[in-house]
Amino acid sequence: MTRSEPATFGVAMPFYDHQADYESLLTFARRAHELGFDGLWVSDHLVVGPPPENSRTWYDVPTLLAGLAAHVPGMTLGTDVLIVPYRHPFLAAKMLATLDVISGGRLIVGVGAGHSQHEFDVLDAPFAGRGEVIDEYLQLWKAVWTDGPAVFTGKHVRLDEPELGPRPISKPHPPIWVGGNGPAAIRRAATHGDGWHPLALPPEVYAAGAAQLAELADRAGRPTPTLSYSGYFGEITPKPVDTDRRVPLTGGVQQVLDDIGAYRDLGVTNVVFRLAAPHLTSDQILDQLELVATDVLPHAR
């Protein structure tokens, strides 16, 4: 593939407890907008493990993005990723359509299967077999979002209603980008999604997944989904980092630029930085934003 399309660069919102007071999040979002990032992306959890290793402060994703929308005009608002089985599909479809309307059509719906059985237990939702549930829920979302009666019948959910509003501004509906790195996620992106949005895959592994995605989409008679990449936590520094444990989009500025180039060569058109490493303060995260905006983005676009 070639770099035929321009790239967009987003940033994931902080979510560790010591970074997640609302004023700090609002400051982060506004600063990302001022510095020229293209999108804000928010993770979706209920509760993940005990503190201090894991955060206990999790905002509702559609509500938080709706609140931030007016503060970051023009920025994409992405869910990174929304765990589909956590919400009744009709309720989720209405929430997301409302968010798309409020934001003027800036929503990208990243979706995932979830990995924490504890969270499913809290919701009294089945963890096993959730893939089949997700496939049905995504189809019901589209039935609610598109013109005409909202009709869908599946094993887990049914809906038969007259035309429902509000309709999303994005047509035919907000893009659905499937998160997840494994075969099931790739299959779901090819058959139900508009994009693939995996987390922290090395370029060589990403390349194999992208090839499989293109093949499956072609078999399904669908266009190849948009390729996106979401980075993992870690610091970016002016000087290179000499370690075998460095993950993509972390380390020295030139190393990060080389990473971006590798993904762009694979056809990736959206990159999400995850700058809020757990050991950083809110002020240090703002410094990371500044560094990326000054030393990375001008050379990566």
C-alpha atoms as a PDB file:
ATOM      1  CA  MET A   1       0.000   0.000   0.000  1.00  0.00           C
ATOM      2  CA  THR A   2       1.024   3.624  -0.421  1.00  0.00           C
ATOM      3  CA  ARG A   3       0.411   6.738   1.595  1.00  0.00           C
ATOM      4  CA  SER A   4      -2.235   7.972  -0.835  1.00  0.00           C
ATOM      5  CA  GLU A   5      -4.553   9.414   1.828  1.00  0.00           C
ATOM      6  CA  PRO A   6      -3.644  12.116   4.347  1.00  0.00           C
ATOM      7  CA  ALA A   7      -3.355  10.924   7.921  1.00  0.00           C
ATOM      8  CA  THR A   8      -5.213  12.134  10.987  1.00  0.00           C
ATOM      9  CA  PHE A   9      -3.722  12.105  14.477  1.00  0.00           C
ATOM     10  CA  GLY A  10      -5.780  11.740  17.624  1.00  0.00           C
ATOM     11  CA  VAL A  11      -5.029  11.403  21.294  1.00  0.00           C
ATOM     12  CA  ALA A  12      -6.583   9.213  23.988  1.00  0.00           C
ATOM     13  CA  MET A  13      -8.004  10.934  27.050  1.00  0.00           C
ATOM     14  CA  PRO A  14      -6.304  10.167  30.412  1.00  0.00           C
ATOM     15  CA  PHE A  15      -8.170   7.803  32.707  1.00  0.00           C
ATOM     16  CA  TYR A  16      -6.004   6.918  35.705  1.00  0.00           C
ATOM     17  CA  ASP A  17      -7.499   8.116  38.984  1.00  0.00           C
ATOM     18  CA  HIS A  18      -4.896  10.815  39.642  1.00  0.00           C
ATOM     19  CA  GLN A  19      -5.415  12.204  36.110  1.00  0.00           C
ATOM     20  CA  ALA A  20      -9.186  11.910  35.810  1.00  0.00           C
ATOM     21  CA  ASP A  21     -10.750  14.853  37.653  1.00  0.00           C
ATOM     22  CA  TYR A  22     -13.006  16.663  35.210  1.00  0.00           C
ATOM     23  CA  GLU A  23     -11.118  19.954  35.201  1.00  0.00           C
ATOM     24  CA  SER A  24      -7.901  18.152  34.240  1.00  0.00           C
ATOM     25  CA  LEU A  25      -9.715  16.280  31.473  1.00  0.00           C
ATOM     26  CA  LEU A  26     -11.225  19.504  30.167  1.00  0.00           C
ATOM     27  CA  THR A  27      -7.825  21.199  30.203  1.00  0.00           C
ATOM     28  CA  PHE A  28      -6.331  18.235  28.341  1.00  0.00           C
ATOM     29  CA  ALA A  29      -9.071  18.283  25.682  1.00  0.00           C
ATOM     30  CA  ARG A  30      -8.825  22.033  25.116  1.00  0.00           C
ATOM     31  CA  ARG A  31      -5.045  21.905  24.879  1.00  0.00           C
ATOM     32  CA  ALA A  32      -5.150  19.022  22.391  1.00  0.00           C
ATOM     33  CA  HIS A  33      -7.504  21.110  20.271  1.00  0.00           C
ATOM     34  CA  GLU A  34      -5.286  24.191  20.484  1.00  0.00           C
ATOM     35  CA  LEU A  35      -2.235  22.153  19.482  1.00  0.00           C
ATOM     36  CA  GLY A  36      -3.866  20.773  16.349  1.00  0.00           C
ATOM     37  CA  PHE A  37      -4.662  17.166  17.176  1.00  0.00           C
ATOM     38  CA  ASP A  38      -7.460  15.837  14.981  1.00  0.00           C
ATOM     39  CA  GLY A  39      -9.408  13.700  17.451  1.00  0.00           C
ATOM     40  CA  LEU A  40     -10.192  12.875  21.074  1.00  0.00           C
ATOM     41  CA  TRP A  41     -10.637   9.220  21.991  1.00  0.00           C
ATOM     42  CA  VAL A  42     -12.150   7.908  25.251  1.00  0.00           C
ATOM     43  CA  SER A  43     -11.869   4.398  26.746  1.00  0.00           C
ATOM     44  CA  ASP A  44     -14.881   2.524  28.097  1.00  0.00           C
ATOM     45  CA  HIS A  45     -14.845   0.593  31.365  1.00  0.00           C
ATOM     46  CA  LEU A  46     -16.907   0.181  34.500  1.00  0.00           C
ATOM     47  CA  VAL A  47     -14.217  -0.882  36.951  1.00  0.00           C
ATOM     48  CA  VAL A  48     -10.934  -2.671  36.299  1.00  0.00           C
ATOM     49  CA  GLY A  49      -9.196  -4.328  39.213  1.00  0.00           C
ATOM     50  CA  PRO A  50      -8.092  -2.788  42.513  1.00  0.00           C
ATOM     51  CA  PRO A  51      -6.266   0.542  42.895  1.00  0.00           C
ATOM     52  CA  PRO A  52      -3.607   1.834  42.677  1.00  0.00           C
ATOM     53  CA  GLU A  53      -2.584  -0.286  39.690  1.00  0.00           C
ATOM     54  CA  ASN A  54      -5.955   0.192  38.010  1.00  0.00           C
ATOM     55  CA  SER A  55      -8.290   3.127  37.734  1.00  0.00           C
ATOM     56  CA  ARG A  56     -11.630   3.213  39.520  1.00  0.00           C
ATOM     57  CA  THR A  57     -12.815   6.448  37.895  1.00  0.00           C
ATOM     58  CA  TRP A  58     -14.639   5.732  34.656  1.00  0.00           C
ATOM     59  CA  TYR A  59     -16.891   8.327  33.069  1.00  0.00           C
ATOM     60  CA  ASP A  60     -19.732   7.253  30.817  1.00  0.00           C
ATOM     61  CA  VAL A  61     -18.197   7.616  27.362  1.00  0.00           C
ATOM     62  CA  PRO A  62     -21.071   9.112  25.306  1.00  0.00           C
ATOM     63  CA  THR A  63     -21.912  11.538  28.115  1.00  0.00           C
ATOM     64  CA  LEU A  64     -18.306  12.696  28.515  1.00  0.00           C
ATOM     65  CA  LEU A  65     -17.818  13.169  24.773  1.00  0.00           C
ATOM     66  CA  ALA A  66     -21.078  15.116  24.517  1.00  0.00           C
ATOM     67  CA  GLY A  67     -19.864  17.418  27.280  1.00  0.00           C
ATOM     68  CA  LEU A  68     -16.497  17.959  25.590  1.00  0.00           C
ATOM     69  CA  ALA A  69     -17.879  18.441  22.085  1.00  0.00           C
ATOM     70  CA  ALA A  70     -18.474  22.195  22.364  1.00  0.00           C
ATOM     71  CA  HIS A  71     -14.984  22.754  23.796  1.00  0.00           C
ATOM     72  CA  VAL A  72     -13.160  21.122  20.864  1.00  0.00           C
ATOM     73  CA  PRO A  73     -14.869  22.323  17.668  1.00  0.00           C
ATOM     74  CA  GLY A  74     -13.847  20.407  14.591  1.00  0.00           C
ATOM     75  CA  MET A  75     -12.207  17.508  16.403  1.00  0.00           C
ATOM     76  CA  THR A  76     -13.299  13.930  15.808  1.00  0.00           C
ATOM     77  CA  LEU A  77     -14.850  12.318  18.881  1.00  0.00           C
ATOM     78  CA  GLY A  78     -13.986   8.634  19.121  1.00  0.00           C
ATOM     79  CA  THR A  79     -14.859   5.775  21.452  1.00  0.00           C
ATOM     80  CA  ASP A  80     -11.668   3.815  22.109  1.00  0.00           C
ATOM     81  CA  VAL A  81     -13.431   1.422  22.355  1.00  0.00           C
ATOM     82  CA  LEU A  82     -17.069   1.189  23.435  1.00  0.00           C
ATOM     83  CA  ILE A  83     -17.724  -2.269  24.898  1.00  0.00           C
ATOM     84  CA  VAL A  84     -20.817  -3.211  22.925  1.00  0.00           C
ATOM     85  CA  PRO A  85     -22.452  -5.745  25.297  1.00  0.00           C
ATOM     86  CA  TYR A  86     -22.403  -3.305  28.255  1.00  0.00           C
ATOM     87  CA  ARG A  87     -25.458  -1.382  27.026  1.00  0.00           C
ATOM     88  CA  HIS A  88     -28.813  -2.413  25.626  1.00  0.00           C
ATOM     89  CA  PRO A  89     -28.392  -1.972  21.867  1.00  0.00           C
ATOM     90  CA  PHE A  90     -31.424   0.236  21.370  1.00  0.00           C
ATOM     91  CA  LEU A  91     -30.353   2.510  24.229  1.00  0.00           C
ATOM     92  CA  ALA A  92     -26.785   2.635  22.929  1.00  0.00           C
ATOM     93  CA  ALA A  93     -27.983   3.440  19.406  1.00  0.00           C
ATOM     94  CA  LYS A  94     -30.013   6.381  20.723  1.00  0.00           C
ATOM     95  CA  MET A  95     -27.148   7.637  22.886  1.00  0.00           C
ATOM     96  CA  LEU A  96     -24.689   7.507  20.003  1.00  0.00           C
ATOM     97  CA  ALA A  97     -27.095   9.105  17.536  1.00  0.00           C
ATOM     98  CA  THR A  98     -27.670  11.919  20.022  1.00  0.00           C
ATOM     99  CA  LEU A  99     -23.915  12.392  20.431  1.00  0.00           C
ATOM    100  CA  ASP A 100     -23.464  12.519  16.658  1.00  0.00           C
ATOM    101  CA  VAL A 101     -26.165  15.193  16.385  1.00  0.00           C
ATOM    102  CA  ILE A 102     -24.749  17.248  19.283  1.00  0.00           C
ATOM    103  CA  SER A 103     -21.263  17.147  17.771  1.00  0.00           C
ATOM    104  CA  GLY A 104     -22.355  17.969  14.252  1.00  0.00           C
ATOM    105  CA  GLY A 105     -21.464  14.583  12.819  1.00  0.00           C
ATOM    106  CA  ARG A 106     -17.998  14.170  14.358  1.00  0.00           C
ATOM    107  CA  LEU A 107     -18.465  10.760  15.989  1.00  0.00           C
ATOM    108  CA  ILE A 108     -16.460   7.628  15.205  1.00  0.00           C
ATOM    109  CA  VAL A 109     -17.759   4.609  17.090  1.00  0.00           C
ATOM    110  CA  GLY A 110     -14.861   2.355  18.022  1.00  0.00           C
ATOM    111  CA  VAL A 111     -16.270  -0.900  19.358  1.00  0.00           C
ATOM    112  CA  GLY A 112     -14.879  -3.865  21.241  1.00  0.00           C
ATOM    113  CA  ALA A 113     -15.785  -7.127  22.941  1.00  0.00           C
ATOM    114  CA  GLY A 114     -14.292  -6.343  26.354  1.00  0.00           C
ATOM    115  CA  HIS A 115     -11.825  -8.475  28.307  1.00  0.00           C
ATOM    116  CA  SER A 116     -12.895  -8.105  31.943  1.00  0.00           C
ATOM    117  CA  GLN A 117     -15.271 -10.850  33.014  1.00  0.00           C
ATOM    118  CA  HIS A 118     -15.727  -9.008  36.306  1.00  0.00           C
ATOM    119  CA  GLU A 119     -17.361  -6.112  34.493  1.00  0.00           C
ATOM    120  CA  PHE A 120     -19.737  -8.468  32.694  1.00  0.00           C
ATOM    121  CA  ASP A 121     -20.604 -10.061  36.038  1.00  0.00           C
ATOM    122  CA  VAL A 122     -21.414  -6.631  37.511  1.00  0.00           C
ATOM    123  CA  LEU A 123     -23.883  -6.110  34.654  1.00  0.00           C
ATOM    124  CA  ASP A 124     -25.219  -9.677  34.819  1.00  0.00           C
ATOM    125  CA  ALA A 125     -24.243  -9.973  31.152  1.00  0.00           C
ATOM    126  CA  PRO A 126     -22.896 -13.196  29.606  1.00  0.00           C
ATOM    127  CA  PHE A 127     -19.142 -13.126  28.998  1.00  0.00           C
ATOM    128  CA  ALA A 128     -19.024 -16.324  26.969  1.00  0.00           C
ATOM    129  CA  GLY A 129     -20.583 -16.031  23.540  1.00  0.00           C
ATOM    130  CA  ARG A 130     -20.367 -12.235  23.554  1.00  0.00           C
ATOM    131  CA  GLY A 131     -19.095 -12.172  19.978  1.00  0.00           C
ATOM    132  CA  GLU A 132     -22.446 -13.341  18.609  1.00  0.00           C
ATOM    133  CA  VAL A 133     -24.175 -10.729  20.760  1.00  0.00           C
ATOM    134  CA  ILE A 134     -21.948  -7.962  19.395  1.00  0.00           C
ATOM    135  CA  ASP A 135     -22.646  -8.903  15.784  1.00  0.00           C
ATOM    136  CA  GLU A 136     -26.389  -8.661  16.394  1.00  0.00           C
ATOM    137  CA  TYR A 137     -26.139  -5.418  18.331  1.00  0.00           C
ATOM    138  CA  LEU A 138     -24.171  -3.722  15.549  1.00  0.00           C
ATOM    139  CA  GLN A 139     -26.833  -4.737  13.046  1.00  0.00           C
ATOM    140  CA  LEU A 140     -29.566  -3.361  15.287  1.00  0.00           C
ATOM    141  CA  TRP A 141     -27.676  -0.042  15.633  1.00  0.00           C
ATOM    142  CA  LYS A 142     -27.659   0.321  11.860  1.00  0.00           C
ATOM    143  CA  ALA A 143     -31.387  -0.469  11.701  1.00  0.00           C
ATOM    144  CA  VAL A 144     -32.049   2.345  14.186  1.00  0.00           C
ATOM    145  CA  TRP A 145     -29.702   4.810  12.488  1.00  0.00           C
ATOM    146  CA  THR A 146     -30.709   4.449   8.847  1.00  0.00           C
ATOM    147  CA  ASP A 147     -33.839   5.612   7.066  1.00  0.00           C
ATOM    148  CA  GLY A 148     -37.050   3.655   7.207  1.00  0.00           C
ATOM    149  CA  PRO A 149     -38.537   1.361   9.860  1.00  0.00           C
ATOM    150  CA  ALA A 150     -36.140   0.038  12.503  1.00  0.00           C
ATOM    151  CA  VAL A 151     -36.544  -3.699  12.036  1.00  0.00           C
ATOM    152  CA  PHE A 152     -34.170  -6.438  13.148  1.00  0.00           C
ATOM    153  CA  THR A 153     -34.692  -9.987  14.368  1.00  0.00           C
ATOM    154  CA  GLY A 154     -31.844 -11.999  15.846  1.00  0.00           C
ATOM    155  CA  LYS A 155     -31.193 -14.664  18.432  1.00  0.00           C
ATOM    156  CA  HIS A 156     -30.467 -12.166  21.214  1.00  0.00           C
ATOM    157  CA  VAL A 157     -32.384  -9.035  20.278  1.00  0.00           C
ATOM    158  CA  ARG A 158     -35.388  -7.962  18.224  1.00  0.00           C
ATOM    159  CA  LEU A 159     -36.767  -4.607  17.176  1.00  0.00           C
ATOM    160  CA  ASP A 160     -39.766  -3.681  15.018  1.00  0.00           C
ATOM    161  CA  GLU A 161     -40.562   0.010  15.222  1.00  0.00           C
ATOM    162  CA  PRO A 162     -41.558   2.790  12.828  1.00  0.00           C
ATOM    163  CA  GLU A 163     -38.898   5.272  11.782  1.00  0.00           C
ATOM    164  CA  LEU A 164     -37.063   6.550  14.853  1.00  0.00           C
ATOM    165  CA  GLY A 165     -35.334   9.852  15.549  1.00  0.00           C
ATOM    166  CA  PRO A 166     -33.036  11.545  15.943  1.00  0.00           C
ATOM    167  CA  ARG A 167     -31.142  10.342  12.930  1.00  0.00           C
ATOM    168  CA  PRO A 168     -27.370  10.718  13.098  1.00  0.00           C
ATOM    169  CA  ILE A 169     -25.914  13.500  10.996  1.00  0.00           C
ATOM    170  CA  SER A 170     -23.225  11.130   9.667  1.00  0.00           C
ATOM    171  CA  LYS A 171     -24.539   9.213   6.671  1.00  0.00           C
ATOM    172  CA  PRO A 172     -25.474   6.473   6.370  1.00  0.00           C
ATOM    173  CA  HIS A 173     -24.474   6.319  10.048  1.00  0.00           C
ATOM    174  CA  PRO A 174     -21.468   7.110  12.266  1.00  0.00           C
ATOM    175  CA  PRO A 175     -18.472   5.027  11.161  1.00  0.00           C
ATOM    176  CA  ILE A 176     -18.034   1.830  13.162  1.00  0.00           C
ATOM    177  CA  TRP A 177     -14.360   0.976  13.703  1.00  0.00           C
ATOM    178  CA  VAL A 178     -13.814  -2.429  15.253  1.00  0.00           C
ATOM    179  CA  GLY A 179     -11.146  -2.671  17.928  1.00  0.00           C
ATOM    180  CA  GLY A 180      -9.381  -5.869  18.870  1.00  0.00           C
ATOM    181  CA  ASN A 181      -6.324  -7.606  17.508  1.00  0.00           C
ATOM    182  CA  GLY A 182      -7.477 -11.190  16.939  1.00  0.00           C
ATOM    183  CA  PRO A 183      -9.227 -13.106  14.150  1.00  0.00           C
ATOM    184  CA  ALA A 184     -12.735 -12.477  15.528  1.00  0.00           C
ATOM    185  CA  ALA A 185     -12.201  -8.710  15.540  1.00  0.00           C
ATOM    186  CA  ILE A 186     -10.762  -8.768  12.026  1.00  0.00           C
ATOM    187  CA  ARG A 187     -13.711 -10.829  10.802  1.00  0.00           C
ATOM    188  CA  ARG A 188     -16.134  -8.418  12.501  1.00  0.00           C
ATOM    189  CA  ALA A 189     -14.422  -5.400  10.948  1.00  0.00           C
ATOM    190  CA  ALA A 190     -14.642  -7.000   7.511  1.00  0.00           C
ATOM    191  CA  THR A 191     -18.314  -7.965   7.764  1.00  0.00           C
ATOM    192  CA  HIS A 192     -19.879  -5.292   9.979  1.00  0.00           C
ATOM    193  CA  GLY A 193     -17.364  -2.468  10.359  1.00  0.00           C
ATOM    194  CA  ASP A 194     -16.160   0.568   8.477  1.00  0.00           C
ATOM    195  CA  GLY A 195     -12.689   0.478  10.016  1.00  0.00           C
ATOM    196  CA  TRP A 196     -10.202  -1.609  11.987  1.00  0.00           C
ATOM    197  CA  HIS A 197      -8.788   0.015  15.130  1.00  0.00           C
ATOM    198  CA  PRO A 198      -6.452  -2.435  16.942  1.00  0.00           C
ATOM    199  CA  LEU A 199      -4.318  -1.612  19.959  1.00  0.00           C
ATOM    200  CA  ALA A 200      -0.521  -1.707  20.138  1.00  0.00           C
ATOM    201  CA  LEU A 201       0.198  -4.176  17.330  1.00  0.00           C
ATOM    202  CA  PRO A 202       3.780  -4.198  16.004  1.00  0.00           C
ATOM    203  CA  PRO A 203       3.919  -3.278  12.295  1.00  0.00           C
ATOM    204  CA  GLU A 204       4.650  -6.824  11.098  1.00  0.00           C
ATOM    205  CA  VAL A 205       1.664  -8.203  13.016  1.00  0.00           C
ATOM    206  CA  TYR A 206      -0.507  -5.316  11.844  1.00  0.00           C
ATOM    207  CA  ALA A 207       0.494  -6.074   8.237  1.00  0.00           C
ATOM    208  CA  ALA A 208      -0.713  -9.669   8.519  1.00  0.00           C
ATOM    209  CA  GLY A 209      -4.001  -8.564  10.064  1.00  0.00           C
ATOM    210  CA  ALA A 210      -4.566  -5.905   7.409  1.00  0.00           C
ATOM    211  CA  ALA A 211      -4.015  -8.474   4.654  1.00  0.00           C
ATOM    212  CA  GLN A 212      -6.533 -10.823   6.245  1.00  0.00           C
ATOM    213  CA  LEU A 213      -8.981  -7.941   6.651  1.00  0.00           C
ATOM    214  CA  ALA A 214      -8.764  -7.016   2.971  1.00  0.00           C
ATOM    215  CA  GLU A 215      -9.300 -10.625   1.919  1.00  0.00           C
ATOM    216  CA  LEU A 216     -12.340 -11.113   4.153  1.00  0.00           C
ATOM    217  CA  ALA A 217     -13.903  -7.810   3.088  1.00  0.00           C
ATOM    218  CA  ASP A 218     -13.446  -8.760  -0.566  1.00  0.00           C
ATOM    219  CA  ARG A 219     -15.137 -12.117   0.046  1.00  0.00           C
ATOM    220  CA  ALA A 220     -18.037 -10.296   1.704  1.00  0.00           C
ATOM    221  CA  GLY A 221     -18.335  -7.885  -1.229  1.00  0.00           C
ATOM    222  CA  ARG A 222     -17.517  -4.926   0.982  1.00  0.00           C
ATOM    223  CA  PRO A 223     -14.873  -2.209   0.637  1.00  0.00           C
ATOM    224  CA  THR A 224     -11.724  -2.655   2.685  1.00  0.00           C
ATOM    225  CA  PRO A 225     -12.306  -0.901   6.027  1.00  0.00           C
ATOM    226  CA  THR A 226     -10.322   2.155   7.075  1.00  0.00           C
ATOM    227  CA  LEU A 227      -7.085   1.249   8.832  1.00  0.00           C
ATOM    228  CA  SER A 228      -6.454   2.926  12.190  1.00  0.00           C
ATOM    229  CA  TYR A 229      -3.869   2.324  14.889  1.00  0.00           C
ATOM    230  CA  SER A 230      -4.160   2.965  18.623  1.00  0.00           C
ATOM    231  CA  GLY A 231      -0.873   3.149  20.539  1.00  0.00           C
ATOM    232  CA  TYR A 232      -0.100   1.911  24.022  1.00  0.00           C
ATOM    233  CA  PHE A 233       0.937   3.850  27.112  1.00  0.00           C
ATOM    234  CA  GLY A 234       4.474   5.137  27.328  1.00  0.00           C
ATOM    235  CA  GLU A 235       6.486   8.342  27.253  1.00  0.00           C
ATOM    236  CA  ILE A 236       7.864  10.123  24.220  1.00  0.00           C
ATOM    237  CA  THR A 237      11.264  11.754  24.727  1.00  0.00           C
ATOM    238  CA  PRO A 238      13.517  14.017  22.657  1.00  0.00           C
ATOM    239  CA  LYS A 239      16.282  11.381  22.596  1.00  0.00           C
ATOM    240  CA  PRO A 240      16.068   7.734  21.442  1.00  0.00           C
ATOM    241  CA  VAL A 241      15.378   4.986  23.949  1.00  0.00           C
ATOM    242  CA  ASP A 242      17.632   1.926  23.820  1.00  0.00           C
ATOM    243  CA  THR A 243      15.471  -0.954  24.972  1.00  0.00           C
ATOM    244  CA  ASP A 244      13.977  -4.095  23.457  1.00  0.00           C
ATOM    245  CA  ARG A 245      10.804  -3.427  25.429  1.00  0.00           C
ATOM    246  CA  ARG A 246       9.936  -0.194  23.627  1.00  0.00           C
ATOM    247  CA  VAL A 247       6.440  -0.314  22.142  1.00  0.00           C
ATOM    248  CA  PRO A 248       5.418   1.608  19.020  1.00  0.00           C
ATOM    249  CA  LEU A 249       4.634   5.328  19.460  1.00  0.00           C
ATOM    250  CA  THR A 250       6.854   5.525  22.536  1.00  0.00           C
ATOM    251  CA  GLY A 251      10.538   6.319  22.999  1.00  0.00           C
ATOM    252  CA  GLY A 252      12.499   8.969  21.119  1.00  0.00           C
ATOM    253  CA  VAL A 253      10.869  11.386  18.701  1.00  0.00           C
ATOM    254  CA  GLN A 254      12.656   9.898  15.693  1.00  0.00           C
ATOM    255  CA  GLN A 255      11.672   6.401  16.794  1.00  0.00           C
ATOM    256  CA  VAL A 256       8.047   7.517  16.950  1.00  0.00           C
ATOM    257  CA  LEU A 257       8.297   9.102  13.491  1.00  0.00           C
ATOM    258  CA  ASP A 258       9.756   5.851  12.150  1.00  0.00           C
ATOM    259  CA  ASP A 259       6.858   3.933  13.732  1.00  0.00           C
ATOM    260  CA  ILE A 260       4.317   6.237  12.107  1.00  0.00           C
ATOM    261  CA  GLY A 261       6.050   5.822   8.761  1.00  0.00           C
ATOM    262  CA  ALA A 262       5.867   2.037   9.060  1.00  0.00           C
ATOM    263  CA  TYR A 263       2.131   2.101   9.761  1.00  0.00           C
ATOM    264  CA  ARG A 264       1.487   4.666   7.040  1.00  0.00           C
ATOM    265  CA  ASP A 265       3.270   2.357   4.564  1.00  0.00           C
ATOM    266  CA  LEU A 266       0.714  -0.309   5.508  1.00  0.00           C
ATOM    267  CA  GLY A 267      -2.161   2.022   4.653  1.00  0.00           C
ATOM    268  CA  VAL A 268      -2.991   3.328   8.132  1.00  0.00           C
ATOM    269  CA  THR A 269      -4.770   6.685   7.890  1.00  0.00           C
ATOM    270  CA  ASN A 270      -5.500   7.378  11.568  1.00  0.00           C
ATOM    271  CA  VAL A 271      -3.090   7.204  14.508  1.00  0.00           C
ATOM    272  CA  VAL A 272      -4.083   7.614  18.169  1.00  0.00           C
ATOM    273  CA  PHE A 273      -1.408   8.512  20.732  1.00  0.00           C
ATOM    274  CA  ARG A 274      -1.870   7.235  24.282  1.00  0.00           C
ATOM    275  CA  LEU A 275       0.225   9.766  26.186  1.00  0.00           C
ATOM    276  CA  ALA A 276      -1.248   9.431  29.683  1.00  0.00           C
ATOM    277  CA  ALA A 277       1.145   6.821  31.028  1.00  0.00           C
ATOM    278  CA  PRO A 278       0.106   5.766  34.550  1.00  0.00           C
ATOM    279  CA  HIS A 279       3.116   7.303  36.309  1.00  0.00           C
ATOM    280  CA  LEU A 280       2.631  10.772  34.776  1.00  0.00           C
ATOM    281  CA  THR A 281       0.908  13.724  36.404  1.00  0.00           C
ATOM    282  CA  SER A 282      -1.631  15.823  34.525  1.00  0.00           C
ATOM    283  CA  ASP A 283       0.986  18.547  33.987  1.00  0.00           C
ATOM    284  CA  GLN A 284       3.468  16.025  32.609  1.00  0.00           C
ATOM    285  CA  ILE A 285       0.819  14.735  30.203  1.00  0.00           C
ATOM    286  CA  LEU A 286       0.320  18.275  28.911  1.00  0.00           C
ATOM    287  CA  ASP A 287       4.092  18.420  28.330  1.00  0.00           C
ATOM    288  CA  GLN A 288       3.770  15.236  26.275  1.00  0.00           C
ATOM    289  CA  LEU A 289       1.037  16.858  24.181  1.00  0.00           C
ATOM    290  CA  GLU A 290       3.309  19.834  23.528  1.00  0.00           C
ATOM    291  CA  LEU A 291       6.235  17.615  22.535  1.00  0.00           C
ATOM    292  CA  VAL A 292       4.203  15.585  20.067  1.00  0.00           C
ATOM    293  CA  ALA A 293       2.554  18.670  18.576  1.00  0.00           C
ATOM    294  CA  THR A 294       5.896  20.448  18.146  1.00  0.00           C
ATOM    295  CA  ASP A 295       8.310  17.657  17.218  1.00  0.00           C
ATOM    296  CA  VAL A 296       6.185  14.846  15.754  1.00  0.00           C
ATOM    297  CA  LEU A 297       3.025  16.068  14.018  1.00  0.00           C
ATOM    298  CA  PRO A 298       4.667  18.580  11.631  1.00  0.00           C
ATOM    299  CA  HIS A 299       6.937  15.817  10.271  1.00  0.00           C
ATOM    300  CA  ALA A 300       4.282  13.080  10.256  1.00  0.00           C
ATOM    301  CA  ARG A 301       1.504  14.793   8.328  1.00  0.00           C
END
